[in-house]
Amino acid sequence: MYVCSCFGITEQQVREHADTGACTPRQIASACKAGTDCGGCVRRIQSLLGRGDCPRRELIDSGAPEPLGAEADAVAPAALSGAA
């Protein structure tokens, strides 16, 4: 059965990408473009992915700080000194 009619992606293809490590709708989109046109299939993709085991989710759930926060802290003082 088709999940994404815009790109002709089937449930089986989504499951195959999930089996090879695509754990989120965004990762599925990167793998096969499903969900990147009209977006009508994103909820279906989410339901196919479910809440199964995902190695990348373990990294996210570990509470490791995001690099963006550290970069933002490093940029803020420079922006303030340039404004003065």
PDB file of N, CA and C in Angstrom:
ATOM      1  N   MET A   1       0.841  -1.181   0.000  1.00  0.00           N
ATOM      2  CA  MET A   1       0.000   0.000   0.000  1.00  0.00           C
ATOM      3  C   MET A   1       0.890   1.249   0.000  1.00  0.00           C
ATOM      4  N   TYR A   2       0.484   2.254  -0.757  1.00  0.00           N
ATOM      5  CA  TYR A   2       1.258   3.485  -0.832  1.00  0.00           C
ATOM      6  C   TYR A   2       1.077   4.319   0.427  1.00  0.00           C
ATOM      7  N   VAL A   3       2.190   4.851   0.915  1.00  0.00           N
ATOM      8  CA  VAL A   3       2.177   5.788   2.033  1.00  0.00           C
ATOM      9  C   VAL A   3       2.267   7.200   1.474  1.00  0.00           C
ATOM     10  N   CYS A   4       3.174   7.396   0.550  1.00  0.00           N
ATOM     11  CA  CYS A   4       3.407   8.709  -0.060  1.00  0.00           C
ATOM     12  C   CYS A   4       3.060   8.625  -1.544  1.00  0.00           C
ATOM     13  N   SER A   5       1.935   9.201  -1.883  1.00  0.00           N
ATOM     14  CA  SER A   5       1.522   9.156  -3.290  1.00  0.00           C
ATOM     15  C   SER A   5       2.312  10.149  -4.135  1.00  0.00           C
ATOM     16  N   CYS A   6       2.869  11.176  -3.527  1.00  0.00           N
ATOM     17  CA  CYS A   6       3.651  12.156  -4.285  1.00  0.00           C
ATOM     18  C   CYS A   6       4.896  11.520  -4.907  1.00  0.00           C
ATOM     19  N   PHE A   7       5.537  10.607  -4.170  1.00  0.00           N
ATOM     20  CA  PHE A   7       6.763   9.977  -4.646  1.00  0.00           C
ATOM     21  C   PHE A   7       6.633   8.471  -4.827  1.00  0.00           C
ATOM     22  N   GLY A   8       5.432   7.928  -4.653  1.00  0.00           N
ATOM     23  CA  GLY A   8       5.200   6.508  -4.869  1.00  0.00           C
ATOM     24  C   GLY A   8       5.920   5.610  -3.873  1.00  0.00           C
ATOM     25  N   ILE A   9       5.978   6.017  -2.613  1.00  0.00           N
ATOM     26  CA  ILE A   9       6.676   5.246  -1.582  1.00  0.00           C
ATOM     27  C   ILE A   9       5.664   4.364  -0.852  1.00  0.00           C
ATOM     28  N   THR A  10       5.999   3.099  -0.713  1.00  0.00           N
ATOM     29  CA  THR A  10       5.100   2.134  -0.085  1.00  0.00           C
ATOM     30  C   THR A  10       5.437   1.935   1.393  1.00  0.00           C
ATOM     31  N   GLU A  11       4.500   1.291   2.100  1.00  0.00           N
ATOM     32  CA  GLU A  11       4.737   0.944   3.506  1.00  0.00           C
ATOM     33  C   GLU A  11       5.985   0.077   3.627  1.00  0.00           C
ATOM     34  N   GLN A  12       6.134  -0.865   2.719  1.00  0.00           N
ATOM     35  CA  GLN A  12       7.290  -1.762   2.750  1.00  0.00           C
ATOM     36  C   GLN A  12       8.593  -0.980   2.624  1.00  0.00           C
ATOM     37  N   GLN A  13       8.628   0.006   1.745  1.00  0.00           N
ATOM     38  CA  GLN A  13       9.843   0.809   1.586  1.00  0.00           C
ATOM     39  C   GLN A  13      10.149   1.591   2.856  1.00  0.00           C
ATOM     40  N   VAL A  14       9.126   2.152   3.500  1.00  0.00           N
ATOM     41  CA  VAL A  14       9.332   2.878   4.754  1.00  0.00           C
ATOM     42  C   VAL A  14       9.897   1.929   5.801  1.00  0.00           C
ATOM     43  N   ARG A  15       9.327   0.726   5.899  1.00  0.00           N
ATOM     44  CA  ARG A  15       9.819  -0.261   6.872  1.00  0.00           C
ATOM     45  C   ARG A  15      11.263  -0.667   6.588  1.00  0.00           C
ATOM     46  N   GLU A  16      11.604  -0.805   5.303  1.00  0.00           N
ATOM     47  CA  GLU A  16      12.979  -1.161   4.939  1.00  0.00           C
ATOM     48  C   GLU A  16      13.958  -0.061   5.356  1.00  0.00           C
ATOM     49  N   HIS A  17      13.581   1.192   5.141  1.00  0.00           N
ATOM     50  CA  HIS A  17      14.440   2.302   5.560  1.00  0.00           C
ATOM     51  C   HIS A  17      14.549   2.345   7.074  1.00  0.00           C
ATOM     52  N   ALA A  18      13.457   2.052   7.768  1.00  0.00           N
ATOM     53  CA  ALA A  18      13.482   2.011   9.228  1.00  0.00           C
ATOM     54  C   ALA A  18      14.405   0.896   9.714  1.00  0.00           C
ATOM     55  N   ASP A  19      14.376  -0.236   9.037  1.00  0.00           N
ATOM     56  CA  ASP A  19      15.238  -1.361   9.413  1.00  0.00           C
ATOM     57  C   ASP A  19      16.712  -1.040   9.234  1.00  0.00           C
ATOM     58  N   THR A  20      17.016  -0.135   8.309  1.00  0.00           N
ATOM     59  CA  THR A  20      18.411   0.230   8.071  1.00  0.00           C
ATOM     60  C   THR A  20      18.842   1.455   8.870  1.00  0.00           C
ATOM     61  N   GLY A  21      17.961   1.940   9.766  1.00  0.00           N
ATOM     62  CA  GLY A  21      18.387   3.000  10.681  1.00  0.00           C
ATOM     63  C   GLY A  21      17.631   4.303  10.632  1.00  0.00           C
ATOM     64  N   ALA A  22      16.706   4.482   9.715  1.00  0.00           N
ATOM     65  CA  ALA A  22      15.922   5.716   9.671  1.00  0.00           C
ATOM     66  C   ALA A  22      14.843   5.635  10.748  1.00  0.00           C
ATOM     67  N   CYS A  23      14.990   6.437  11.806  1.00  0.00           N
ATOM     68  CA  CYS A  23      14.135   6.308  12.984  1.00  0.00           C
ATOM     69  C   CYS A  23      13.074   7.389  13.109  1.00  0.00           C
ATOM     70  N   THR A  24      13.158   8.411  12.296  1.00  0.00           N
ATOM     71  CA  THR A  24      12.224   9.524  12.389  1.00  0.00           C
ATOM     72  C   THR A  24      11.671   9.837  11.001  1.00  0.00           C
ATOM     73  N   PRO A  25      10.550  10.536  10.936  1.00  0.00           N
ATOM     74  CA  PRO A  25      10.034  10.947   9.624  1.00  0.00           C
ATOM     75  C   PRO A  25      11.048  11.770   8.829  1.00  0.00           C
ATOM     76  N   ARG A  26      11.844  12.571   9.508  1.00  0.00           N
ATOM     77  CA  ARG A  26      12.857  13.368   8.815  1.00  0.00           C
ATOM     78  C   ARG A  26      13.916  12.468   8.181  1.00  0.00           C
ATOM     79  N   GLN A  27      14.312  11.414   8.886  1.00  0.00           N
ATOM     80  CA  GLN A  27      15.301  10.485   8.340  1.00  0.00           C
ATOM     81  C   GLN A  27      14.711   9.679   7.191  1.00  0.00           C
ATOM     82  N   ILE A  28      13.438   9.332   7.287  1.00  0.00           N
ATOM     83  CA  ILE A  28      12.760   8.665   6.171  1.00  0.00           C
ATOM     84  C   ILE A  28      12.744   9.600   4.967  1.00  0.00           C
ATOM     85  N   ALA A  29      12.450  10.865   5.198  1.00  0.00           N
ATOM     86  CA  ALA A  29      12.422  11.848   4.112  1.00  0.00           C
ATOM     87  C   ALA A  29      13.792  11.958   3.446  1.00  0.00           C
ATOM     88  N   SER A  30      14.837  11.930   4.240  1.00  0.00           N
ATOM     89  CA  SER A  30      16.195  11.992   3.675  1.00  0.00           C
ATOM     90  C   SER A  30      16.510  10.762   2.844  1.00  0.00           C
ATOM     91  N   ALA A  31      15.952   9.630   3.263  1.00  0.00           N
ATOM     92  CA  ALA A  31      16.241   8.376   2.570  1.00  0.00           C
ATOM     93  C   ALA A  31      15.474   8.236   1.262  1.00  0.00           C
ATOM     94  N   CYS A  32      14.218   8.724   1.226  1.00  0.00           N
ATOM     95  CA  CYS A  32      13.400   8.446   0.028  1.00  0.00           C
ATOM     96  C   CYS A  32      12.469   9.579  -0.392  1.00  0.00           C
ATOM     97  N   LYS A  33      12.548  10.730   0.237  1.00  0.00           N
ATOM     98  CA  LYS A  33      11.744  11.919  -0.068  1.00  0.00           C
ATOM     99  C   LYS A  33      10.304  11.855   0.427  1.00  0.00           C
ATOM    100  N   ALA A  34       9.876  10.740   1.001  1.00  0.00           N
ATOM    101  CA  ALA A  34       8.501  10.637   1.494  1.00  0.00           C
ATOM    102  C   ALA A  34       8.255  11.703   2.548  1.00  0.00           C
ATOM    103  N   GLY A  35       7.171  12.441   2.390  1.00  0.00           N
ATOM    104  CA  GLY A  35       6.812  13.473   3.348  1.00  0.00           C
ATOM    105  C   GLY A  35       7.357  14.844   3.039  1.00  0.00           C
ATOM    106  N   THR A  36       8.092  14.994   1.939  1.00  0.00           N
ATOM    107  CA  THR A  36       8.720  16.285   1.638  1.00  0.00           C
ATOM    108  C   THR A  36       7.924  17.152   0.670  1.00  0.00           C
ATOM    109  N   ASP A  37       6.860  16.620   0.081  1.00  0.00           N
ATOM    110  CA  ASP A  37       6.093  17.430  -0.870  1.00  0.00           C
ATOM    111  C   ASP A  37       4.858  18.007  -0.178  1.00  0.00           C
ATOM    112  N   CYS A  38       3.772  17.295  -0.154  1.00  0.00           N
ATOM    113  CA  CYS A  38       2.538  17.839   0.443  1.00  0.00           C
ATOM    114  C   CYS A  38       2.475  17.623   1.953  1.00  0.00           C
ATOM    115  N   GLY A  39       3.225  16.652   2.474  1.00  0.00           N
ATOM    116  CA  GLY A  39       3.251  16.386   3.906  1.00  0.00           C
ATOM    117  C   GLY A  39       2.091  15.555   4.416  1.00  0.00           C
ATOM    118  N   GLY A  40       1.213  15.137   3.540  1.00  0.00           N
ATOM    119  CA  GLY A  40       0.044  14.376   3.954  1.00  0.00           C
ATOM    120  C   GLY A  40       0.350  12.995   4.495  1.00  0.00           C
ATOM    121  N   CYS A  41       1.528  12.485   4.256  1.00  0.00           N
ATOM    122  CA  CYS A  41       1.868  11.129   4.691  1.00  0.00           C
ATOM    123  C   CYS A  41       2.685  11.092   5.973  1.00  0.00           C
ATOM    124  N   VAL A  42       3.049  12.230   6.518  1.00  0.00           N
ATOM    125  CA  VAL A  42       3.945  12.259   7.669  1.00  0.00           C
ATOM    126  C   VAL A  42       3.352  11.523   8.868  1.00  0.00           C
ATOM    127  N   ARG A  43       2.078  11.706   9.136  1.00  0.00           N
ATOM    128  CA  ARG A  43       1.459  11.002  10.268  1.00  0.00           C
ATOM    129  C   ARG A  43       1.456   9.495  10.052  1.00  0.00           C
ATOM    130  N   ARG A  44       1.229   9.071   8.835  1.00  0.00           N
ATOM    131  CA  ARG A  44       1.255   7.641   8.539  1.00  0.00           C
ATOM    132  C   ARG A  44       2.672   7.091   8.725  1.00  0.00           C
ATOM    133  N   ILE A  45       3.663   7.847   8.301  1.00  0.00           N
ATOM    134  CA  ILE A  45       5.053   7.436   8.489  1.00  0.00           C
ATOM    135  C   ILE A  45       5.354   7.326   9.979  1.00  0.00           C
ATOM    136  N   GLN A  46       4.901   8.305  10.760  1.00  0.00           N
ATOM    137  CA  GLN A  46       5.106   8.259  12.205  1.00  0.00           C
ATOM    138  C   GLN A  46       4.493   7.005  12.806  1.00  0.00           C
ATOM    139  N   SER A  47       3.292   6.656  12.357  1.00  0.00           N
ATOM    140  CA  SER A  47       2.643   5.466  12.910  1.00  0.00           C
ATOM    141  C   SER A  47       3.356   4.188  12.489  1.00  0.00           C
ATOM    142  N   LEU A  48       3.917   4.159  11.289  1.00  0.00           N
ATOM    143  CA  LEU A  48       4.679   2.989  10.855  1.00  0.00           C
ATOM    144  C   LEU A  48       5.966   2.836  11.662  1.00  0.00           C
ATOM    145  N   LEU A  49       6.588   3.958  12.000  1.00  0.00           N
ATOM    146  CA  LEU A  49       7.820   3.907  12.775  1.00  0.00           C
ATOM    147  C   LEU A  49       7.544   3.523  14.222  1.00  0.00           C
ATOM    148  N   GLY A  50       6.389   3.941  14.735  1.00  0.00           N
ATOM    149  CA  GLY A  50       6.019   3.609  16.099  1.00  0.00           C
ATOM    150  C   GLY A  50       7.025   4.110  17.104  1.00  0.00           C
ATOM    151  N   ARG A  51       7.117   3.390  18.197  1.00  0.00           N
ATOM    152  CA  ARG A  51       8.062   3.754  19.254  1.00  0.00           C
ATOM    153  C   ARG A  51       9.051   2.627  19.474  1.00  0.00           C
ATOM    154  N   GLY A  52       9.448   2.001  18.388  1.00  0.00           N
ATOM    155  CA  GLY A  52      10.377   0.871  18.469  1.00  0.00           C
ATOM    156  C   GLY A  52      11.762   1.296  18.897  1.00  0.00           C
ATOM    157  N   ASP A  53      12.626   0.321  19.041  1.00  0.00           N
ATOM    158  CA  ASP A  53      14.007   0.594  19.425  1.00  0.00           C
ATOM    159  C   ASP A  53      14.723   1.322  18.298  1.00  0.00           C
ATOM    160  N   CYS A  54      15.442   2.336  18.674  1.00  0.00           N
ATOM    161  CA  CYS A  54      16.204   3.102  17.698  1.00  0.00           C
ATOM    162  C   CYS A  54      17.522   3.497  18.342  1.00  0.00           C
ATOM    163  N   PRO A  55      18.644   3.099  17.768  1.00  0.00           N
ATOM    164  CA  PRO A  55      19.934   3.424  18.380  1.00  0.00           C
ATOM    165  C   PRO A  55      20.145   4.923  18.540  1.00  0.00           C
ATOM    166  N   ARG A  56      19.660   5.720  17.613  1.00  0.00           N
ATOM    167  CA  ARG A  56      19.853   7.164  17.696  1.00  0.00           C
ATOM    168  C   ARG A  56      19.016   7.770  18.809  1.00  0.00           C
ATOM    169  N   ARG A  57      17.845   7.198  19.115  1.00  0.00           N
ATOM    170  CA  ARG A  57      17.030   7.709  20.206  1.00  0.00           C
ATOM    171  C   ARG A  57      17.761   7.594  21.537  1.00  0.00           C
ATOM    172  N   GLU A  58      18.583   6.563  21.697  1.00  0.00           N
ATOM    173  CA  GLU A  58      19.342   6.408  22.934  1.00  0.00           C
ATOM    174  C   GLU A  58      20.278   7.587  23.128  1.00  0.00           C
ATOM    175  N   LEU A  59      20.883   8.086  22.060  1.00  0.00           N
ATOM    176  CA  LEU A  59      21.766   9.242  22.159  1.00  0.00           C
ATOM    177  C   LEU A  59      20.977  10.489  22.528  1.00  0.00           C
ATOM    178  N   ILE A  60      19.808  10.649  21.928  1.00  0.00           N
ATOM    179  CA  ILE A  60      18.976  11.812  22.203  1.00  0.00           C
ATOM    180  C   ILE A  60      18.488  11.781  23.644  1.00  0.00           C
ATOM    181  N   ASP A  61      18.041  10.611  24.103  1.00  0.00           N
ATOM    182  CA  ASP A  61      17.497  10.480  25.448  1.00  0.00           C
ATOM    183  C   ASP A  61      18.562  10.511  26.529  1.00  0.00           C
ATOM    184  N   SER A  62      19.842  10.415  26.177  1.00  0.00           N
ATOM    185  CA  SER A  62      20.900  10.366  27.185  1.00  0.00           C
ATOM    186  C   SER A  62      21.102  11.704  27.875  1.00  0.00           C
ATOM    187  N   GLY A  63      20.555  12.773  27.328  1.00  0.00           N
ATOM    188  CA  GLY A  63      20.681  14.083  27.948  1.00  0.00           C
ATOM    189  C   GLY A  63      21.969  14.795  27.603  1.00  0.00           C
ATOM    190  N   ALA A  64      22.653  14.346  26.584  1.00  0.00           N
ATOM    191  CA  ALA A  64      23.887  15.011  26.169  1.00  0.00           C
ATOM    192  C   ALA A  64      23.563  16.422  25.694  1.00  0.00           C
ATOM    193  N   PRO A  65      24.372  17.408  26.091  1.00  0.00           N
ATOM    194  CA  PRO A  65      24.088  18.788  25.685  1.00  0.00           C
ATOM    195  C   PRO A  65      24.211  18.956  24.180  1.00  0.00           C
ATOM    196  N   GLU A  66      23.377  19.799  23.644  1.00  0.00           N
ATOM    197  CA  GLU A  66      23.402  20.060  22.204  1.00  0.00           C
ATOM    198  C   GLU A  66      24.473  21.088  21.889  1.00  0.00           C
ATOM    199  N   PRO A  67      25.213  20.914  20.804  1.00  0.00           N
ATOM    200  CA  PRO A  67      26.258  21.864  20.436  1.00  0.00           C
ATOM    201  C   PRO A  67      25.721  23.263  20.172  1.00  0.00           C
ATOM    202  N   LEU A  68      24.506  23.369  19.718  1.00  0.00           N
ATOM    203  CA  LEU A  68      23.934  24.668  19.377  1.00  0.00           C
ATOM    204  C   LEU A  68      23.927  25.578  20.597  1.00  0.00           C
ATOM    205  N   GLY A  69      23.616  25.040  21.775  1.00  0.00           N
ATOM    206  CA  GLY A  69      23.602  25.840  22.993  1.00  0.00           C
ATOM    207  C   GLY A  69      24.973  26.417  23.303  1.00  0.00           C
ATOM    208  N   ALA A  70      25.999  25.612  23.153  1.00  0.00           N
ATOM    209  CA  ALA A  70      27.361  26.071  23.421  1.00  0.00           C
ATOM    210  C   ALA A  70      27.782  27.121  22.405  1.00  0.00           C
ATOM    211  N   GLU A  71      27.401  26.915  21.143  1.00  0.00           N
ATOM    212  CA  GLU A  71      27.732  27.896  20.108  1.00  0.00           C
ATOM    213  C   GLU A  71      27.034  29.214  20.367  1.00  0.00           C
ATOM    214  N   ALA A  72      25.791  29.155  20.810  1.00  0.00           N
ATOM    215  CA  ALA A  72      25.036  30.375  21.088  1.00  0.00           C
ATOM    216  C   ALA A  72      25.695  31.156  22.219  1.00  0.00           C
ATOM    217  N   ASP A  73      26.186  30.456  23.262  1.00  0.00           N
ATOM    218  CA  ASP A  73      26.856  31.119  24.368  1.00  0.00           C
ATOM    219  C   ASP A  73      28.145  31.785  23.901  1.00  0.00           C
ATOM    220  N   ALA A  74      28.851  31.133  22.989  1.00  0.00           N
ATOM    221  CA  ALA A  74      30.122  31.675  22.506  1.00  0.00           C
ATOM    222  C   ALA A  74      29.908  32.889  21.611  1.00  0.00           C
ATOM    223  N   VAL A  75      28.779  32.951  20.908  1.00  0.00           N
ATOM    224  CA  VAL A  75      28.528  34.037  19.977  1.00  0.00           C
ATOM    225  C   VAL A  75      27.978  35.258  20.690  1.00  0.00           C
ATOM    226  N   ALA A  76      27.212  35.067  21.733  1.00  0.00           N
ATOM    227  CA  ALA A  76      26.543  36.177  22.405  1.00  0.00           C
ATOM    228  C   ALA A  76      27.506  37.263  22.889  1.00  0.00           C
ATOM    229  N   PRO A  77      28.619  36.950  23.592  1.00  0.00           N
ATOM    230  CA  PRO A  77      29.518  38.023  24.037  1.00  0.00           C
ATOM    231  C   PRO A  77      30.128  38.811  22.887  1.00  0.00           C
ATOM    232  N   ALA A  78      30.462  38.151  21.797  1.00  0.00           N
ATOM    233  CA  ALA A  78      31.031  38.837  20.645  1.00  0.00           C
ATOM    234  C   ALA A  78      30.008  39.792  20.047  1.00  0.00           C
ATOM    235  N   ALA A  79      28.761  39.375  19.996  1.00  0.00           N
ATOM    236  CA  ALA A  79      27.707  40.222  19.453  1.00  0.00           C
ATOM    237  C   ALA A  79      27.505  41.450  20.344  1.00  0.00           C
ATOM    238  N   LEU A  80      27.607  41.264  21.649  1.00  0.00           N
ATOM    239  CA  LEU A  80      27.433  42.385  22.575  1.00  0.00           C
ATOM    240  C   LEU A  80      28.588  43.370  22.470  1.00  0.00           C
ATOM    241  N   SER A  81      29.799  42.888  22.341  1.00  0.00           N
ATOM    242  CA  SER A  81      30.957  43.786  22.268  1.00  0.00           C
ATOM    243  C   SER A  81      30.954  44.553  20.948  1.00  0.00           C
ATOM    244  N   GLY A  82      30.431  43.925  19.888  1.00  0.00           N
ATOM    245  CA  GLY A  82      30.355  44.600  18.601  1.00  0.00           C
ATOM    246  C   GLY A  82      29.281  45.670  18.580  1.00  0.00           C
ATOM    247  N   ALA A  83      28.262  45.525  19.408  1.00  0.00           N
ATOM    248  CA  ALA A  83      27.155  46.476  19.441  1.00  0.00           C
ATOM    249  C   ALA A  83      27.519  47.716  20.234  1.00  0.00           C
ATOM    250  N   ALA A  84      28.543  47.642  21.089  1.00  0.00           N
ATOM    251  CA  ALA A  84      28.868  48.759  21.974  1.00  0.00           C
ATOM    252  C   ALA A  84      29.645  49.832  21.324  1.00  0.00           C
TER     253      ALA A  84
END
